[in-house]
Amino acid sequence: MDSPKPYNFKEQLAIGAQGEAFLDSFFHADYQIAPAHAFEQKQGIDRHFINRNNGTQLRVEYKTDGIAQKTHNAFVETTSVDKNDKAGWAYTSTADYLIYYVPGDELIYVIRLTKLRKCLPTWATKYPLKSALNEGYRTWGLIIPLREFERIADRVYSV
C-alpha cells in the first residue's frame, strides 16, 4: 500500500545520518573510510573504503531502511522523482557496492551493484512496484524480499 502521508525529508535525513554513523563505526576496523565529495554523492557514492590489509579501494553507497524490519522487504528505488522521470539509485549509482542496513534486525547486506542490476529485470516481473509519497512527487521502487538480498549479497552481517 502506498504511503498515506509524505515522507519528512529532515526525518529521513536524520535516520540516514544515524545509519551512516553506525556503518562507519562498524566497518572502521577493516577499512579506512572517507566521506564522498558532494559531486560524488550526486552519483550515488557515500563513502570511499580503503582496505587496511591490502589497500583495495571501493566506492560505497549506504542505505538505511527502518521499515524493512517490519516488512522483511527492501525498497529498491527505480524512479527517484516521478515528475521528472528521474531514474533511481538502482540504475544511477556509480558505487561499487551497496551496503543496505536494516536497524532493529541489525542486518547489513553488502551487495555488488552490478549484481543487483542484473536481478532488476527478473525482480520487476516477480515483485510489486510501490511508491513513496514525498513533498510534491513520488519515488518508485521494487519491493524485494530480504531473502533475495541475502541470496545475492557478497556478505551478510548480523550485528
C-alpha atoms as a PDB file:
ATOM      1  CA  MET A   1       0.000   0.000   0.000  1.00  0.00           C
ATOM      2  CA  ASP A   2       1.294   3.452  -0.884  1.00  0.00           C
ATOM      3  CA  SER A   3       2.396   5.791   1.890  1.00  0.00           C
ATOM      4  CA  PRO A   4      -0.580   7.759   3.280  1.00  0.00           C
ATOM      5  CA  LYS A   5       1.473  10.857   4.082  1.00  0.00           C
ATOM      6  CA  PRO A   6       4.613  12.346   2.557  1.00  0.00           C
ATOM      7  CA  TYR A   7       7.981  11.345   3.917  1.00  0.00           C
ATOM      8  CA  ASN A   8       9.506  14.042   6.033  1.00  0.00           C
ATOM      9  CA  PHE A   9      12.811  14.854   4.331  1.00  0.00           C
ATOM     10  CA  LYS A  10      14.524  16.070   7.529  1.00  0.00           C
ATOM     11  CA  GLU A  11      13.387  12.956   9.395  1.00  0.00           C
ATOM     12  CA  GLN A  12      14.677  10.671   6.631  1.00  0.00           C
ATOM     13  CA  LEU A  13      17.966  12.581   6.565  1.00  0.00           C
ATOM     14  CA  ALA A  14      18.383  12.052  10.316  1.00  0.00           C
ATOM     15  CA  ILE A  15      17.698   8.308  10.001  1.00  0.00           C
ATOM     16  CA  GLY A  16      20.227   8.103   7.171  1.00  0.00           C
ATOM     17  CA  ALA A  17      22.830  10.011   9.209  1.00  0.00           C
ATOM     18  CA  GLN A  18      22.387   7.618  12.139  1.00  0.00           C
ATOM     19  CA  GLY A  19      22.789   4.656   9.796  1.00  0.00           C
ATOM     20  CA  GLU A  20      25.893   6.192   8.219  1.00  0.00           C
ATOM     21  CA  ALA A  21      27.489   6.763  11.643  1.00  0.00           C
ATOM     22  CA  PHE A  22      26.728   3.179  12.658  1.00  0.00           C
ATOM     23  CA  LEU A  23      28.113   1.735   9.410  1.00  0.00           C
ATOM     24  CA  ASP A  24      31.245   3.902   9.557  1.00  0.00           C
ATOM     25  CA  SER A  25      31.879   2.627  13.080  1.00  0.00           C
ATOM     26  CA  PHE A  26      31.123  -0.992  12.137  1.00  0.00           C
ATOM     27  CA  PHE A  27      33.485  -1.097   9.139  1.00  0.00           C
ATOM     28  CA  HIS A  28      36.213   1.121  10.635  1.00  0.00           C
ATOM     29  CA  ALA A  29      38.348  -1.783  11.905  1.00  0.00           C
ATOM     30  CA  ASP A  30      38.800  -3.223   8.399  1.00  0.00           C
ATOM     31  CA  TYR A  31      38.623  -0.091   6.251  1.00  0.00           C
ATOM     32  CA  GLN A  32      39.874   3.444   6.241  1.00  0.00           C
ATOM     33  CA  ILE A  33      36.657   5.326   5.448  1.00  0.00           C
ATOM     34  CA  ALA A  34      36.337   8.747   3.841  1.00  0.00           C
ATOM     35  CA  PRO A  35      33.087  10.555   3.017  1.00  0.00           C
ATOM     36  CA  ALA A  36      32.487  11.198  -0.663  1.00  0.00           C
ATOM     37  CA  HIS A  37      32.581  14.734  -2.049  1.00  0.00           C
ATOM     38  CA  ALA A  38      29.296  16.477  -2.876  1.00  0.00           C
ATOM     39  CA  PHE A  39      29.605  15.816  -6.635  1.00  0.00           C
ATOM     40  CA  GLU A  40      30.249  12.106  -5.920  1.00  0.00           C
ATOM     41  CA  GLN A  41      27.218  11.942  -3.640  1.00  0.00           C
ATOM     42  CA  LYS A  42      25.085  13.050  -6.584  1.00  0.00           C
ATOM     43  CA  GLN A  43      26.479   9.976  -8.372  1.00  0.00           C
ATOM     44  CA  GLY A  44      25.367   7.650  -5.564  1.00  0.00           C
ATOM     45  CA  ILE A  45      28.666   7.366  -3.726  1.00  0.00           C
ATOM     46  CA  ASP A  46      28.551   7.948   0.036  1.00  0.00           C
ATOM     47  CA  ARG A  47      31.924   6.619   1.142  1.00  0.00           C
ATOM     48  CA  HIS A  48      35.333   5.542  -0.064  1.00  0.00           C
ATOM     49  CA  PHE A  49      36.603   2.403   1.651  1.00  0.00           C
ATOM     50  CA  ILE A  50      40.292   1.516   1.626  1.00  0.00           C
ATOM     51  CA  ASN A  51      41.040  -1.990   2.857  1.00  0.00           C
ATOM     52  CA  ARG A  52      43.526  -1.749   5.733  1.00  0.00           C
ATOM     53  CA  ASN A  53      45.177  -5.095   4.794  1.00  0.00           C
ATOM     54  CA  ASN A  54      45.626  -4.872   1.037  1.00  0.00           C
ATOM     55  CA  GLY A  55      44.864  -1.249   0.037  1.00  0.00           C
ATOM     56  CA  THR A  56      41.924  -2.171  -2.207  1.00  0.00           C
ATOM     57  CA  GLN A  57      39.691   0.850  -2.782  1.00  0.00           C
ATOM     58  CA  LEU A  58      35.910   0.657  -3.044  1.00  0.00           C
ATOM     59  CA  ARG A  59      33.158   3.183  -3.686  1.00  0.00           C
ATOM     60  CA  VAL A  60      30.172   2.511  -1.420  1.00  0.00           C
ATOM     61  CA  GLU A  61      26.560   3.630  -1.280  1.00  0.00           C
ATOM     62  CA  TYR A  62      24.828   3.370   2.107  1.00  0.00           C
ATOM     63  CA  LYS A  63      21.105   2.770   2.538  1.00  0.00           C
ATOM     64  CA  THR A  64      19.356   2.543   5.911  1.00  0.00           C
ATOM     65  CA  ASP A  65      15.856   1.032   5.844  1.00  0.00           C
ATOM     66  CA  GLY A  66      13.958   1.312   9.112  1.00  0.00           C
ATOM     67  CA  ILE A  67      10.797  -0.236   7.658  1.00  0.00           C
ATOM     68  CA  ALA A  68      12.434  -3.453   6.422  1.00  0.00           C
ATOM     69  CA  GLN A  69      12.493  -4.907   9.935  1.00  0.00           C
ATOM     70  CA  LYS A  70       8.674  -4.976   9.910  1.00  0.00           C
ATOM     71  CA  THR A  71       8.090  -5.864   6.269  1.00  0.00           C
ATOM     72  CA  HIS A  72      11.110  -8.119   5.624  1.00  0.00           C
ATOM     73  CA  ASN A  73      11.377  -6.327   2.282  1.00  0.00           C
ATOM     74  CA  ALA A  74      13.853  -3.867   0.817  1.00  0.00           C
ATOM     75  CA  PHE A  75      12.824  -0.826  -1.214  1.00  0.00           C
ATOM     76  CA  VAL A  76      14.947  -0.750  -4.368  1.00  0.00           C
ATOM     77  CA  GLU A  77      14.470   2.699  -5.864  1.00  0.00           C
ATOM     78  CA  THR A  78      13.869   2.587  -9.612  1.00  0.00           C
ATOM     79  CA  THR A  79      12.475   6.123 -10.078  1.00  0.00           C
ATOM     80  CA  SER A  80      13.758   8.887  -7.836  1.00  0.00           C
ATOM     81  CA  VAL A  81      11.397  11.689  -8.921  1.00  0.00           C
ATOM     82  CA  ASP A  82       8.366  10.653 -10.947  1.00  0.00           C
ATOM     83  CA  LYS A  83       7.561  14.217 -12.123  1.00  0.00           C
ATOM     84  CA  ASN A  84      10.895  14.361 -13.959  1.00  0.00           C
ATOM     85  CA  ASP A  85      11.093  10.623 -14.704  1.00  0.00           C
ATOM     86  CA  LYS A  86      14.456  10.673 -12.903  1.00  0.00           C
ATOM     87  CA  ALA A  87      15.963   7.205 -12.563  1.00  0.00           C
ATOM     88  CA  GLY A  88      16.529   5.866  -9.051  1.00  0.00           C
ATOM     89  CA  TRP A  89      19.711   4.764  -7.330  1.00  0.00           C
ATOM     90  CA  ALA A  90      19.308   1.178  -8.526  1.00  0.00           C
ATOM     91  CA  TYR A  91      20.190   2.439 -12.020  1.00  0.00           C
ATOM     92  CA  THR A  92      22.229   5.575 -11.422  1.00  0.00           C
ATOM     93  CA  SER A  93      24.615   4.857  -8.554  1.00  0.00           C
ATOM     94  CA  THR A  94      28.231   4.695  -9.660  1.00  0.00           C
ATOM     95  CA  ALA A  95      29.295   2.991  -6.420  1.00  0.00           C
ATOM     96  CA  ASP A  96      30.868  -0.450  -6.496  1.00  0.00           C
ATOM     97  CA  TYR A  97      28.852  -1.729  -3.545  1.00  0.00           C
ATOM     98  CA  LEU A  98      25.531  -1.124  -1.871  1.00  0.00           C
ATOM     99  CA  ILE A  99      25.617  -1.507   1.901  1.00  0.00           C
ATOM    100  CA  TYR A 100      21.994  -1.928   2.989  1.00  0.00           C
ATOM    101  CA  TYR A 101      21.427  -1.612   6.731  1.00  0.00           C
ATOM    102  CA  VAL A 102      18.275  -2.855   8.483  1.00  0.00           C
ATOM    103  CA  PRO A 103      18.253  -1.381  12.003  1.00  0.00           C
ATOM    104  CA  GLY A 104      16.227  -3.306  14.540  1.00  0.00           C
ATOM    105  CA  ASP A 105      17.125  -6.600  12.871  1.00  0.00           C
ATOM    106  CA  GLU A 106      20.749  -5.389  12.928  1.00  0.00           C
ATOM    107  CA  LEU A 107      21.428  -6.855   9.499  1.00  0.00           C
ATOM    108  CA  ILE A 108      23.880  -5.447   6.971  1.00  0.00           C
ATOM    109  CA  TYR A 109      23.803  -6.624   3.356  1.00  0.00           C
ATOM    110  CA  VAL A 110      26.878  -5.970   1.219  1.00  0.00           C
ATOM    111  CA  ILE A 111      25.846  -6.242  -2.418  1.00  0.00           C
ATOM    112  CA  ARG A 112      27.775  -5.576  -5.602  1.00  0.00           C
ATOM    113  CA  LEU A 113      25.657  -3.074  -7.549  1.00  0.00           C
ATOM    114  CA  THR A 114      26.394  -4.798 -10.865  1.00  0.00           C
ATOM    115  CA  LYS A 115      24.892  -7.977  -9.418  1.00  0.00           C
ATOM    116  CA  LEU A 116      21.822  -6.138  -8.108  1.00  0.00           C
ATOM    117  CA  ARG A 117      21.246  -4.545 -11.525  1.00  0.00           C
ATOM    118  CA  LYS A 118      21.358  -7.935 -13.245  1.00  0.00           C
ATOM    119  CA  CYS A 119      18.465  -9.008 -10.984  1.00  0.00           C
ATOM    120  CA  LEU A 120      16.253  -5.998 -11.736  1.00  0.00           C
ATOM    121  CA  PRO A 121      14.542  -7.349 -14.896  1.00  0.00           C
ATOM    122  CA  THR A 122      13.570 -10.591 -13.150  1.00  0.00           C
ATOM    123  CA  TRP A 123      12.564  -8.822  -9.951  1.00  0.00           C
ATOM    124  CA  ALA A 124      10.367  -6.450 -11.960  1.00  0.00           C
ATOM    125  CA  THR A 125       8.300  -9.435 -13.133  1.00  0.00           C
ATOM    126  CA  LYS A 126       8.132 -11.102  -9.703  1.00  0.00           C
ATOM    127  CA  TYR A 127       7.758  -8.314  -7.147  1.00  0.00           C
ATOM    128  CA  PRO A 128       5.494  -5.286  -6.796  1.00  0.00           C
ATOM    129  CA  LEU A 129       6.390  -1.737  -7.735  1.00  0.00           C
ATOM    130  CA  LYS A 130       5.297   0.685  -4.998  1.00  0.00           C
ATOM    131  CA  SER A 131       5.590   4.398  -4.445  1.00  0.00           C
ATOM    132  CA  ALA A 132       6.583   6.574  -1.525  1.00  0.00           C
ATOM    133  CA  LEU A 133       4.960   9.989  -1.367  1.00  0.00           C
ATOM    134  CA  ASN A 134       7.314  12.922  -0.936  1.00  0.00           C
ATOM    135  CA  GLU A 135       6.615  16.655  -0.970  1.00  0.00           C
ATOM    136  CA  GLY A 136       5.200  17.175  -4.474  1.00  0.00           C
ATOM    137  CA  TYR A 137       6.401  13.966  -6.107  1.00  0.00           C
ATOM    138  CA  ARG A 138       6.627  10.197  -5.705  1.00  0.00           C
ATOM    139  CA  THR A 139       9.600   7.895  -5.539  1.00  0.00           C
ATOM    140  CA  TRP A 140       9.027   4.422  -7.002  1.00  0.00           C
ATOM    141  CA  GLY A 141      10.764   1.182  -6.182  1.00  0.00           C
ATOM    142  CA  LEU A 142      10.546  -2.562  -6.276  1.00  0.00           C
ATOM    143  CA  ILE A 143       9.627  -4.283  -3.025  1.00  0.00           C
ATOM    144  CA  ILE A 144      12.246  -7.030  -2.791  1.00  0.00           C
ATOM    145  CA  PRO A 145      12.175  -9.693  -0.068  1.00  0.00           C
ATOM    146  CA  LEU A 146      15.274  -9.527   2.115  1.00  0.00           C
ATOM    147  CA  ARG A 147      15.835 -13.215   1.330  1.00  0.00           C
ATOM    148  CA  GLU A 148      16.666 -12.078  -2.241  1.00  0.00           C
ATOM    149  CA  PHE A 149      19.219  -9.628  -0.844  1.00  0.00           C
ATOM    150  CA  GLU A 150      20.663 -12.463   1.217  1.00  0.00           C
ATOM    151  CA  ARG A 151      20.849 -14.640  -1.897  1.00  0.00           C
ATOM    152  CA  ILE A 152      22.813 -12.083  -3.962  1.00  0.00           C
ATOM    153  CA  ALA A 153      24.871 -10.481  -1.188  1.00  0.00           C
ATOM    154  CA  ASP A 154      28.628 -10.895  -1.118  1.00  0.00           C
ATOM    155  CA  ARG A 155      28.317 -10.798   2.660  1.00  0.00           C
ATOM    156  CA  VAL A 156      25.573 -10.502   5.283  1.00  0.00           C
ATOM    157  CA  TYR A 157      26.473  -9.307   8.753  1.00  0.00           C
ATOM    158  CA  SER A 158      24.271  -9.913  11.767  1.00  0.00           C
ATOM    159  CA  VAL A 159      25.403  -7.404  14.390  1.00  0.00           C
END
